[in-house]
N, C-alpha and C. Protein backbone atom coordinates (compact mmCIF):
# COMPACT_ATOMS: atom_id res chain seq x y z
N MET A 1 0.85 -1.17 0.00
CA MET A 1 0.00 0.00 0.00
C MET A 1 0.89 1.24 0.00
N THR A 2 0.53 2.19 -0.83
CA THR A 2 1.22 3.47 -0.89
C THR A 2 0.19 4.58 -0.69
N ALA A 3 0.69 5.79 -0.49
CA ALA A 3 -0.23 6.92 -0.32
C ALA A 3 -1.13 7.08 -1.54
N ALA A 4 -0.65 6.67 -2.71
CA ALA A 4 -1.45 6.80 -3.93
C ALA A 4 -2.69 5.91 -3.89
N SER A 5 -2.66 4.84 -3.10
CA SER A 5 -3.81 3.94 -3.03
C SER A 5 -4.72 4.26 -1.84
N VAL A 6 -4.50 5.41 -1.23
CA VAL A 6 -5.26 5.83 -0.05
C VAL A 6 -6.26 6.91 -0.45
N THR A 7 -7.47 6.81 0.10
CA THR A 7 -8.50 7.81 -0.12
C THR A 7 -8.72 8.57 1.18
N VAL A 8 -8.75 9.89 1.10
CA VAL A 8 -9.03 10.72 2.27
C VAL A 8 -10.45 11.26 2.12
N VAL A 9 -11.26 11.00 3.14
CA VAL A 9 -12.67 11.42 3.12
C VAL A 9 -13.03 12.08 4.44
N ALA A 10 -14.11 12.84 4.43
CA ALA A 10 -14.61 13.45 5.65
C ALA A 10 -15.01 12.36 6.64
N MET A 11 -14.63 12.54 7.89
CA MET A 11 -15.01 11.58 8.93
C MET A 11 -16.50 11.69 9.19
N THR A 12 -17.12 10.54 9.39
CA THR A 12 -18.51 10.48 9.79
C THR A 12 -18.61 9.69 11.10
N ALA A 13 -19.77 9.70 11.71
CA ALA A 13 -19.97 8.96 12.95
C ALA A 13 -19.66 7.47 12.77
N GLU A 14 -19.85 6.96 11.55
CA GLU A 14 -19.59 5.53 11.30
C GLU A 14 -18.10 5.19 11.45
N HIS A 15 -17.22 6.15 11.26
CA HIS A 15 -15.79 5.89 11.39
C HIS A 15 -15.34 5.76 12.85
N ILE A 16 -16.12 6.31 13.76
CA ILE A 16 -15.69 6.37 15.15
C ILE A 16 -15.48 4.98 15.75
N ASP A 17 -16.40 4.05 15.52
CA ASP A 17 -16.23 2.70 16.07
C ASP A 17 -14.97 2.04 15.54
N ALA A 18 -14.64 2.28 14.29
CA ALA A 18 -13.45 1.68 13.70
C ALA A 18 -12.16 2.26 14.28
N LEU A 19 -12.16 3.53 14.62
CA LEU A 19 -10.92 4.14 15.09
C LEU A 19 -10.70 3.99 16.59
N MET A 20 -11.74 3.75 17.36
CA MET A 20 -11.60 3.73 18.82
C MET A 20 -10.59 2.72 19.36
N PRO A 21 -10.53 1.48 18.88
CA PRO A 21 -9.51 0.58 19.42
C PRO A 21 -8.09 1.10 19.17
N TYR A 22 -7.88 1.73 18.03
CA TYR A 22 -6.56 2.29 17.73
C TYR A 22 -6.30 3.53 18.59
N GLU A 23 -7.32 4.35 18.76
CA GLU A 23 -7.19 5.56 19.58
C GLU A 23 -6.66 5.20 20.96
N ARG A 24 -7.27 4.22 21.57
CA ARG A 24 -6.86 3.82 22.92
C ARG A 24 -5.44 3.25 22.93
N ALA A 25 -5.14 2.40 21.97
CA ALA A 25 -3.81 1.78 21.92
C ALA A 25 -2.71 2.79 21.60
N MET A 26 -2.99 3.74 20.73
CA MET A 26 -1.97 4.68 20.28
C MET A 26 -1.78 5.87 21.21
N PHE A 27 -2.85 6.35 21.83
CA PHE A 27 -2.76 7.58 22.61
C PHE A 27 -2.86 7.38 24.11
N GLY A 28 -3.12 6.16 24.56
CA GLY A 28 -3.10 5.86 25.99
C GLY A 28 -3.92 6.82 26.82
N THR A 29 -3.26 7.47 27.80
CA THR A 29 -3.97 8.37 28.70
C THR A 29 -4.53 9.60 28.00
N GLU A 30 -4.05 9.87 26.80
CA GLU A 30 -4.52 11.03 26.04
C GLU A 30 -5.63 10.66 25.04
N ALA A 31 -6.07 9.41 25.04
CA ALA A 31 -7.07 8.96 24.08
C ALA A 31 -8.38 9.70 24.26
N TRP A 32 -8.99 10.03 23.14
CA TRP A 32 -10.31 10.64 23.16
C TRP A 32 -11.36 9.53 23.28
N THR A 33 -12.55 9.90 23.71
CA THR A 33 -13.65 8.94 23.81
C THR A 33 -14.50 9.01 22.55
N ALA A 34 -15.30 7.98 22.35
CA ALA A 34 -16.22 7.98 21.22
C ALA A 34 -17.18 9.15 21.32
N SER A 35 -17.69 9.43 22.52
CA SER A 35 -18.61 10.56 22.67
C SER A 35 -17.88 11.87 22.41
N GLY A 36 -16.62 11.95 22.75
CA GLY A 36 -15.83 13.14 22.45
C GLY A 36 -15.72 13.37 20.96
N TYR A 37 -15.48 12.30 20.21
CA TYR A 37 -15.43 12.43 18.75
C TYR A 37 -16.79 12.85 18.18
N ARG A 38 -17.86 12.29 18.73
CA ARG A 38 -19.19 12.67 18.24
C ARG A 38 -19.44 14.17 18.48
N THR A 39 -19.03 14.66 19.64
CA THR A 39 -19.17 16.08 19.94
C THR A 39 -18.35 16.92 18.97
N GLU A 40 -17.14 16.47 18.68
CA GLU A 40 -16.28 17.18 17.73
C GLU A 40 -16.94 17.24 16.35
N LEU A 41 -17.45 16.12 15.88
CA LEU A 41 -18.09 16.08 14.56
C LEU A 41 -19.33 16.97 14.50
N ALA A 42 -20.01 17.11 15.62
CA ALA A 42 -21.22 17.93 15.65
C ALA A 42 -20.92 19.42 15.50
N ASP A 43 -19.68 19.81 15.78
CA ASP A 43 -19.29 21.22 15.68
C ASP A 43 -18.66 21.49 14.32
N ALA A 44 -19.41 21.22 13.26
CA ALA A 44 -18.88 21.36 11.90
C ALA A 44 -18.57 22.80 11.52
N ALA A 45 -19.11 23.76 12.24
CA ALA A 45 -18.83 25.16 11.92
C ALA A 45 -17.38 25.52 12.23
N ARG A 46 -16.80 24.88 13.25
CA ARG A 46 -15.42 25.20 13.64
C ARG A 46 -14.45 24.04 13.45
N ARG A 47 -14.95 22.84 13.31
CA ARG A 47 -14.07 21.67 13.30
C ARG A 47 -14.26 20.86 12.02
N HIS A 48 -13.18 20.20 11.63
CA HIS A 48 -13.23 19.38 10.42
C HIS A 48 -12.34 18.16 10.65
N TYR A 49 -12.90 16.97 10.40
CA TYR A 49 -12.18 15.71 10.61
C TYR A 49 -12.14 14.92 9.32
N LEU A 50 -11.02 14.25 9.11
CA LEU A 50 -10.82 13.41 7.93
C LEU A 50 -10.41 12.02 8.36
N THR A 51 -10.67 11.05 7.49
CA THR A 51 -10.12 9.71 7.67
C THR A 51 -9.41 9.31 6.39
N ALA A 52 -8.43 8.46 6.55
CA ALA A 52 -7.72 7.86 5.41
C ALA A 52 -8.13 6.40 5.36
N GLN A 53 -8.45 5.94 4.15
CA GLN A 53 -8.93 4.57 3.97
C GLN A 53 -8.16 3.90 2.84
N SER A 54 -8.03 2.59 2.95
CA SER A 54 -7.44 1.81 1.87
C SER A 54 -8.47 1.67 0.75
N ALA A 55 -8.03 1.12 -0.38
CA ALA A 55 -8.94 0.89 -1.50
C ALA A 55 -10.08 -0.04 -1.09
N GLU A 56 -9.84 -0.89 -0.09
CA GLU A 56 -10.87 -1.82 0.40
C GLU A 56 -11.76 -1.19 1.46
N GLY A 57 -11.52 0.06 1.81
CA GLY A 57 -12.33 0.73 2.81
C GLY A 57 -11.84 0.57 4.24
N GLU A 58 -10.66 -0.01 4.43
CA GLU A 58 -10.11 -0.20 5.77
C GLU A 58 -9.58 1.13 6.31
N LEU A 59 -9.90 1.44 7.55
CA LEU A 59 -9.41 2.65 8.20
C LEU A 59 -7.90 2.57 8.37
N LEU A 60 -7.20 3.62 7.92
CA LEU A 60 -5.75 3.69 8.05
C LEU A 60 -5.30 4.81 8.97
N GLY A 61 -6.11 5.87 9.04
CA GLY A 61 -5.74 7.00 9.88
C GLY A 61 -6.84 8.04 9.92
N TRP A 62 -6.64 9.05 10.76
CA TRP A 62 -7.62 10.11 10.92
C TRP A 62 -6.93 11.35 11.45
N GLY A 63 -7.61 12.47 11.30
CA GLY A 63 -7.07 13.72 11.82
C GLY A 63 -8.18 14.75 11.91
N GLY A 64 -7.92 15.79 12.71
CA GLY A 64 -8.91 16.84 12.86
C GLY A 64 -8.28 18.19 13.10
N THR A 65 -9.01 19.22 12.72
CA THR A 65 -8.58 20.59 12.93
C THR A 65 -9.74 21.42 13.43
N MET A 66 -9.39 22.51 14.10
CA MET A 66 -10.36 23.49 14.55
C MET A 66 -9.89 24.85 14.03
N VAL A 67 -10.80 25.60 13.46
CA VAL A 67 -10.48 26.94 12.97
C VAL A 67 -11.34 27.95 13.72
N ILE A 68 -10.68 28.90 14.34
CA ILE A 68 -11.35 30.01 15.00
C ILE A 68 -10.68 31.28 14.49
N ALA A 69 -11.50 32.17 13.94
CA ALA A 69 -11.01 33.41 13.31
C ALA A 69 -9.99 33.03 12.24
N ASP A 70 -8.77 33.52 12.33
CA ASP A 70 -7.80 33.23 11.28
C ASP A 70 -6.71 32.24 11.72
N SER A 71 -6.97 31.50 12.80
CA SER A 71 -6.01 30.51 13.29
C SER A 71 -6.61 29.11 13.30
N ALA A 72 -5.80 28.16 12.91
CA ALA A 72 -6.21 26.75 12.95
C ALA A 72 -5.36 26.02 13.98
N GLU A 73 -5.96 25.04 14.58
CA GLU A 73 -5.21 24.15 15.46
C GLU A 73 -5.43 22.73 14.97
N ILE A 74 -4.34 22.03 14.72
CA ILE A 74 -4.42 20.61 14.39
C ILE A 74 -4.66 19.91 15.72
N LEU A 75 -5.81 19.27 15.85
CA LEU A 75 -6.22 18.67 17.11
C LEU A 75 -5.71 17.25 17.30
N THR A 76 -5.68 16.50 16.23
CA THR A 76 -5.22 15.12 16.30
C THR A 76 -4.84 14.63 14.92
N VAL A 77 -3.83 13.78 14.87
CA VAL A 77 -3.47 13.03 13.67
C VAL A 77 -3.01 11.67 14.16
N GLY A 78 -3.62 10.62 13.63
CA GLY A 78 -3.24 9.27 14.00
C GLY A 78 -3.24 8.36 12.79
N VAL A 79 -2.22 7.52 12.70
CA VAL A 79 -2.13 6.51 11.64
C VAL A 79 -1.92 5.17 12.32
N ILE A 80 -2.72 4.18 11.94
CA ILE A 80 -2.60 2.88 12.60
C ILE A 80 -1.19 2.34 12.38
N PRO A 81 -0.64 1.63 13.35
CA PRO A 81 0.75 1.19 13.25
C PRO A 81 1.10 0.45 11.97
N ALA A 82 0.23 -0.42 11.48
CA ALA A 82 0.53 -1.20 10.27
C ALA A 82 0.61 -0.35 9.01
N ALA A 83 0.11 0.88 9.06
CA ALA A 83 0.07 1.74 7.87
C ALA A 83 1.07 2.90 7.94
N ARG A 84 1.90 2.92 8.97
CA ARG A 84 2.82 4.05 9.14
C ARG A 84 3.95 4.03 8.13
N ARG A 85 4.55 5.22 7.95
CA ARG A 85 5.71 5.43 7.08
C ARG A 85 5.38 5.23 5.61
N ARG A 86 4.14 5.59 5.26
CA ARG A 86 3.68 5.47 3.87
C ARG A 86 3.08 6.77 3.35
N GLY A 87 3.27 7.86 4.10
CA GLY A 87 2.78 9.15 3.65
C GLY A 87 1.35 9.47 4.04
N ILE A 88 0.72 8.62 4.84
CA ILE A 88 -0.68 8.83 5.19
C ILE A 88 -0.86 10.04 6.11
N ALA A 89 0.02 10.20 7.09
CA ALA A 89 -0.09 11.37 7.97
C ALA A 89 0.07 12.66 7.16
N ARG A 90 0.96 12.65 6.18
CA ARG A 90 1.14 13.83 5.33
C ARG A 90 -0.13 14.13 4.52
N LEU A 91 -0.76 13.09 4.00
CA LEU A 91 -2.03 13.28 3.27
C LEU A 91 -3.10 13.89 4.16
N LEU A 92 -3.23 13.36 5.36
CA LEU A 92 -4.22 13.88 6.29
C LEU A 92 -3.91 15.33 6.66
N LEU A 93 -2.65 15.60 6.97
CA LEU A 93 -2.25 16.95 7.33
C LEU A 93 -2.51 17.93 6.19
N ALA A 94 -2.18 17.51 4.97
CA ALA A 94 -2.42 18.38 3.80
C ALA A 94 -3.91 18.69 3.67
N GLY A 95 -4.76 17.69 3.86
CA GLY A 95 -6.20 17.91 3.78
C GLY A 95 -6.71 18.83 4.87
N LEU A 96 -6.19 18.67 6.08
CA LEU A 96 -6.61 19.53 7.19
C LEU A 96 -6.17 20.97 6.96
N LEU A 97 -4.94 21.16 6.48
CA LEU A 97 -4.44 22.51 6.23
C LEU A 97 -5.18 23.18 5.08
N ALA A 98 -5.53 22.40 4.06
CA ALA A 98 -6.29 22.95 2.94
C ALA A 98 -7.67 23.42 3.42
N GLU A 99 -8.31 22.64 4.27
CA GLU A 99 -9.60 23.04 4.81
C GLU A 99 -9.47 24.27 5.70
N ALA A 100 -8.41 24.32 6.49
CA ALA A 100 -8.17 25.49 7.34
C ALA A 100 -8.02 26.75 6.49
N ARG A 101 -7.26 26.65 5.40
CA ARG A 101 -7.10 27.79 4.48
C ARG A 101 -8.45 28.19 3.89
N ARG A 102 -9.23 27.18 3.47
CA ARG A 102 -10.54 27.44 2.88
C ARG A 102 -11.44 28.20 3.86
N ARG A 103 -11.26 27.92 5.15
CA ARG A 103 -12.07 28.57 6.18
C ARG A 103 -11.47 29.90 6.64
N GLY A 104 -10.39 30.34 6.01
CA GLY A 104 -9.82 31.65 6.31
C GLY A 104 -8.64 31.70 7.25
N ALA A 105 -8.13 30.55 7.66
CA ALA A 105 -6.97 30.55 8.55
C ALA A 105 -5.71 31.00 7.80
N VAL A 106 -4.87 31.74 8.49
CA VAL A 106 -3.60 32.18 7.91
C VAL A 106 -2.41 31.56 8.64
N GLU A 107 -2.69 30.84 9.72
CA GLU A 107 -1.65 30.15 10.47
C GLU A 107 -2.25 28.90 11.10
N ALA A 108 -1.36 27.95 11.40
CA ALA A 108 -1.80 26.71 12.05
C ALA A 108 -0.84 26.38 13.18
N PHE A 109 -1.39 25.86 14.26
CA PHE A 109 -0.63 25.45 15.42
C PHE A 109 -0.91 23.98 15.71
N LEU A 110 -0.03 23.36 16.47
CA LEU A 110 -0.26 22.02 16.98
C LEU A 110 0.65 21.80 18.18
N GLU A 111 0.29 20.82 18.98
CA GLU A 111 1.15 20.36 20.07
C GLU A 111 1.53 18.92 19.78
N VAL A 112 2.75 18.58 20.14
CA VAL A 112 3.24 17.22 19.97
C VAL A 112 4.12 16.88 21.17
N ARG A 113 4.03 15.64 21.59
CA ARG A 113 4.84 15.21 22.74
C ARG A 113 6.32 15.46 22.48
N VAL A 114 7.00 15.96 23.49
CA VAL A 114 8.42 16.25 23.36
C VAL A 114 9.23 14.98 23.05
N ASP A 115 8.71 13.82 23.45
CA ASP A 115 9.41 12.56 23.19
C ASP A 115 8.98 11.89 21.88
N ASN A 116 8.11 12.52 21.11
CA ASN A 116 7.68 11.96 19.83
C ASN A 116 8.49 12.62 18.70
N VAL A 117 9.71 12.17 18.59
CA VAL A 117 10.66 12.75 17.63
C VAL A 117 10.20 12.54 16.19
N ALA A 118 9.61 11.40 15.90
CA ALA A 118 9.15 11.11 14.53
C ALA A 118 8.07 12.10 14.11
N ALA A 119 7.11 12.37 14.98
CA ALA A 119 6.04 13.31 14.65
C ALA A 119 6.60 14.73 14.50
N GLN A 120 7.52 15.10 15.36
CA GLN A 120 8.13 16.43 15.25
C GLN A 120 8.84 16.57 13.91
N ALA A 121 9.53 15.53 13.48
CA ALA A 121 10.23 15.58 12.19
C ALA A 121 9.23 15.68 11.04
N LEU A 122 8.14 14.94 11.11
CA LEU A 122 7.09 15.02 10.10
C LEU A 122 6.57 16.45 10.00
N TYR A 123 6.21 17.03 11.13
CA TYR A 123 5.65 18.38 11.11
C TYR A 123 6.68 19.41 10.64
N ALA A 124 7.91 19.27 11.06
CA ALA A 124 8.96 20.19 10.59
C ALA A 124 9.11 20.09 9.07
N GLY A 125 9.03 18.87 8.55
CA GLY A 125 9.12 18.66 7.11
C GLY A 125 7.95 19.25 6.35
N GLU A 126 6.86 19.52 7.05
CA GLU A 126 5.67 20.12 6.44
C GLU A 126 5.58 21.61 6.74
N GLY A 127 6.68 22.20 7.20
CA GLY A 127 6.75 23.64 7.37
C GLY A 127 6.44 24.17 8.76
N PHE A 128 6.21 23.29 9.73
CA PHE A 128 5.97 23.74 11.10
C PHE A 128 7.31 23.99 11.79
N ALA A 129 7.35 25.03 12.61
CA ALA A 129 8.54 25.35 13.39
C ALA A 129 8.17 25.39 14.87
N ARG A 130 9.11 25.00 15.68
CA ARG A 130 8.90 25.01 17.13
C ARG A 130 8.81 26.46 17.61
N VAL A 131 7.74 26.76 18.35
CA VAL A 131 7.57 28.12 18.86
C VAL A 131 7.43 28.17 20.38
N GLY A 132 7.36 27.03 21.02
CA GLY A 132 7.23 27.05 22.47
C GLY A 132 7.17 25.65 23.07
N LEU A 133 7.02 25.63 24.37
CA LEU A 133 6.96 24.39 25.13
C LEU A 133 5.86 24.54 26.17
N ARG A 134 5.04 23.51 26.33
CA ARG A 134 4.02 23.50 27.37
C ARG A 134 4.39 22.43 28.39
N PRO A 135 4.92 22.85 29.52
CA PRO A 135 5.35 21.87 30.53
C PRO A 135 4.17 21.04 31.04
N GLY A 136 4.40 19.74 31.16
CA GLY A 136 3.41 18.85 31.76
C GLY A 136 2.10 18.74 31.02
N TYR A 137 2.10 18.95 29.72
CA TYR A 137 0.87 18.96 28.94
C TYR A 137 0.28 17.57 28.76
N TYR A 138 1.12 16.56 28.65
CA TYR A 138 0.67 15.19 28.39
C TYR A 138 0.93 14.26 29.57
N ASP A 139 0.25 13.13 29.52
CA ASP A 139 0.49 12.01 30.44
C ASP A 139 0.41 12.43 31.91
N GLY A 140 -0.68 13.10 32.24
CA GLY A 140 -0.90 13.48 33.63
C GLY A 140 0.17 14.40 34.18
N GLY A 141 0.72 15.26 33.33
CA GLY A 141 1.71 16.23 33.79
C GLY A 141 3.15 15.76 33.72
N ARG A 142 3.37 14.57 33.16
CA ARG A 142 4.74 14.02 33.12
C ARG A 142 5.50 14.33 31.84
N ILE A 143 4.80 14.64 30.75
CA ILE A 143 5.45 14.84 29.46
C ILE A 143 5.12 16.23 28.93
N ASP A 144 6.15 16.95 28.52
CA ASP A 144 5.95 18.29 27.95
C ASP A 144 5.47 18.18 26.51
N ALA A 145 4.85 19.27 26.05
CA ALA A 145 4.41 19.38 24.65
C ALA A 145 5.25 20.44 23.95
N VAL A 146 5.70 20.13 22.75
CA VAL A 146 6.32 21.11 21.89
C VAL A 146 5.19 21.77 21.11
N VAL A 147 5.16 23.08 21.11
CA VAL A 147 4.17 23.83 20.33
C VAL A 147 4.84 24.21 19.01
N MET A 148 4.14 23.90 17.91
CA MET A 148 4.68 24.18 16.57
C MET A 148 3.68 25.03 15.80
N ARG A 149 4.20 25.84 14.88
CA ARG A 149 3.37 26.75 14.10
C ARG A 149 3.88 26.83 12.68
N ARG A 150 2.95 27.07 11.77
CA ARG A 150 3.32 27.40 10.39
C ARG A 150 2.31 28.36 9.80
N GLU A 151 2.80 29.15 8.85
CA GLU A 151 1.90 30.03 8.13
C GLU A 151 1.20 29.23 7.05
N LEU A 152 0.00 29.67 6.73
CA LEU A 152 -0.76 29.04 5.65
C LEU A 152 -0.76 30.01 4.50
C-alpha cells in the first residue's frame, strides 16, 4: 500500500467505532472517547475531521482541525501502526491545512509530545517550526508538549 492507493474522506460517525480501538492503543492516557469524537463532529462550523482509507475501505488514519477566526489548530493526527511510514499522515495533514485555508486561517498550530521525535520531524518537514513548550501537557503532567506553528 502506498499513499497513492489511499483515499481521504470526511469523517462520519460511522468511522468512530473503527478508530476507537486504535485511539486507545496509540494515545493511551490522552485517548479521546467515542462521545468526544461525536461532539467534535457535531461542531462542523469550527471543526473538520478526515479519515484515510485503503482501496478496500479499511481505516488507516484520521485527523482533525479546529479553525477560530484566522487561526487553525491541528487537534489530532493518527495513523494505525501497520500503515505508518507510507505518507498517510502527510495526506491527512495536507487535507486539514487545505480546509483550514478554505475557512480563512492564515496560520496553524499544533502540540506534539516532546518525546515523539518522529512526529516532530514530520511536522517540521511540512513547514511547522517550534515556537514554544508547554510543561506537563501530556500524560498526567509528566510529558511536555512542543508547540509548533506554520503560516498558511
